[in-house]
Each structure stands twice: as structure tokens, then as C-alpha cells.
C-alpha atoms as a PDB file:
ATOM      1  CA  UNK A   1      41.132  19.654  -4.714  1.00  0.00           C
ATOM      2  CA  UNK A   2      39.416  20.576  -1.482  1.00  0.00           C
ATOM      3  CA  UNK A   3      36.992  18.338   0.339  1.00  0.00           C
ATOM      4  CA  UNK A   4      34.196  20.316   1.963  1.00  0.00           C
ATOM      5  CA  UNK A   5      33.845  18.533   5.271  1.00  0.00           C
ATOM      6  CA  UNK A   6      32.893  21.606   7.307  1.00  0.00           C
ATOM      7  CA  UNK A   7      29.912  22.402   5.077  1.00  0.00           C
ATOM      8  CA  UNK A   8      28.551  18.871   5.194  1.00  0.00           C
ATOM      9  CA  UNK A   9      27.896  19.086   8.960  1.00  0.00           C
ATOM     10  CA  UNK A  10      27.361  15.437   9.688  1.00  0.00           C
ATOM     11  CA  UNK A  11      25.709  14.532  12.948  1.00  0.00           C
ATOM     12  CA  UNK A  12      28.408  13.898  15.547  1.00  0.00           C
ATOM     13  CA  UNK A  13      26.017  11.715  17.537  1.00  0.00           C
ATOM     14  CA  UNK A  14      25.786   8.949  14.936  1.00  0.00           C
ATOM     15  CA  UNK A  15      28.775   9.910  12.740  1.00  0.00           C
ATOM     16  CA  UNK A  16      26.480  10.714   9.815  1.00  0.00           C
ATOM     17  CA  UNK A  17      24.936   7.252   9.625  1.00  0.00           C
ATOM     18  CA  UNK A  18      21.499   8.313  10.821  1.00  0.00           C
ATOM     19  CA  UNK A  19      21.181   5.362  13.171  1.00  0.00           C
ATOM     20  CA  UNK A  20      22.825   3.630  16.103  1.00  0.00           C
ATOM     21  CA  UNK A  21      23.953   0.027  16.050  1.00  0.00           C
ATOM     22  CA  UNK A  22      22.585  -1.520  19.221  1.00  0.00           C
ATOM     23  CA  UNK A  23      24.667  -3.873  21.351  1.00  0.00           C
ATOM     24  CA  UNK A  24      21.951  -6.526  21.465  1.00  0.00           C
ATOM     25  CA  UNK A  25      21.490  -6.390  17.708  1.00  0.00           C
ATOM     26  CA  UNK A  26      19.410  -4.262  15.390  1.00  0.00           C
ATOM     27  CA  UNK A  27      19.541  -0.518  14.986  1.00  0.00           C
ATOM     28  CA  UNK A  28      17.791   2.564  16.283  1.00  0.00           C
ATOM     29  CA  UNK A  29      17.142   5.888  14.533  1.00  0.00           C
ATOM     30  CA  UNK A  30      19.329   8.684  15.816  1.00  0.00           C
ATOM     31  CA  UNK A  31      17.207  11.065  17.937  1.00  0.00           C
ATOM     32  CA  UNK A  32      19.616  13.947  17.315  1.00  0.00           C
ATOM     33  CA  UNK A  33      19.238  14.094  13.513  1.00  0.00           C
ATOM     34  CA  UNK A  34      16.020  12.037  13.042  1.00  0.00           C
ATOM     35  CA  UNK A  35      17.844   9.522  10.857  1.00  0.00           C
ATOM     36  CA  UNK A  36      19.106  12.046   8.299  1.00  0.00           C
ATOM     37  CA  UNK A  37      22.752  11.875   9.396  1.00  0.00           C
ATOM     38  CA  UNK A  38      23.083  15.653   9.263  1.00  0.00           C
ATOM     39  CA  UNK A  39      22.945  18.291  11.957  1.00  0.00           C
ATOM     40  CA  UNK A  40      19.738  20.281  12.245  1.00  0.00           C
END
């Protein structure tokens, strides 16, 4: 079984989550992938 990690191309900025966890609390949409979690 092979796991296709190279084809998935998750956003390295937010680690594929689509958002950042802010230090003060709350979250912010990742500007790099527009919240999709994948590279454009």
C-alpha cells in the first residue's frame, strides 16, 4: 500500500489545516491557500 502524499500537495504554510491558530486565541484563514489547506 502506498500513501500518495506528494499528490495531495498540502499547504506548507498552515500544514493543510486551512487556518492559523492565533496566540491570543481564535483562528485566522490562511492567506496562502485561502482556507482550503491545499497549494494553489
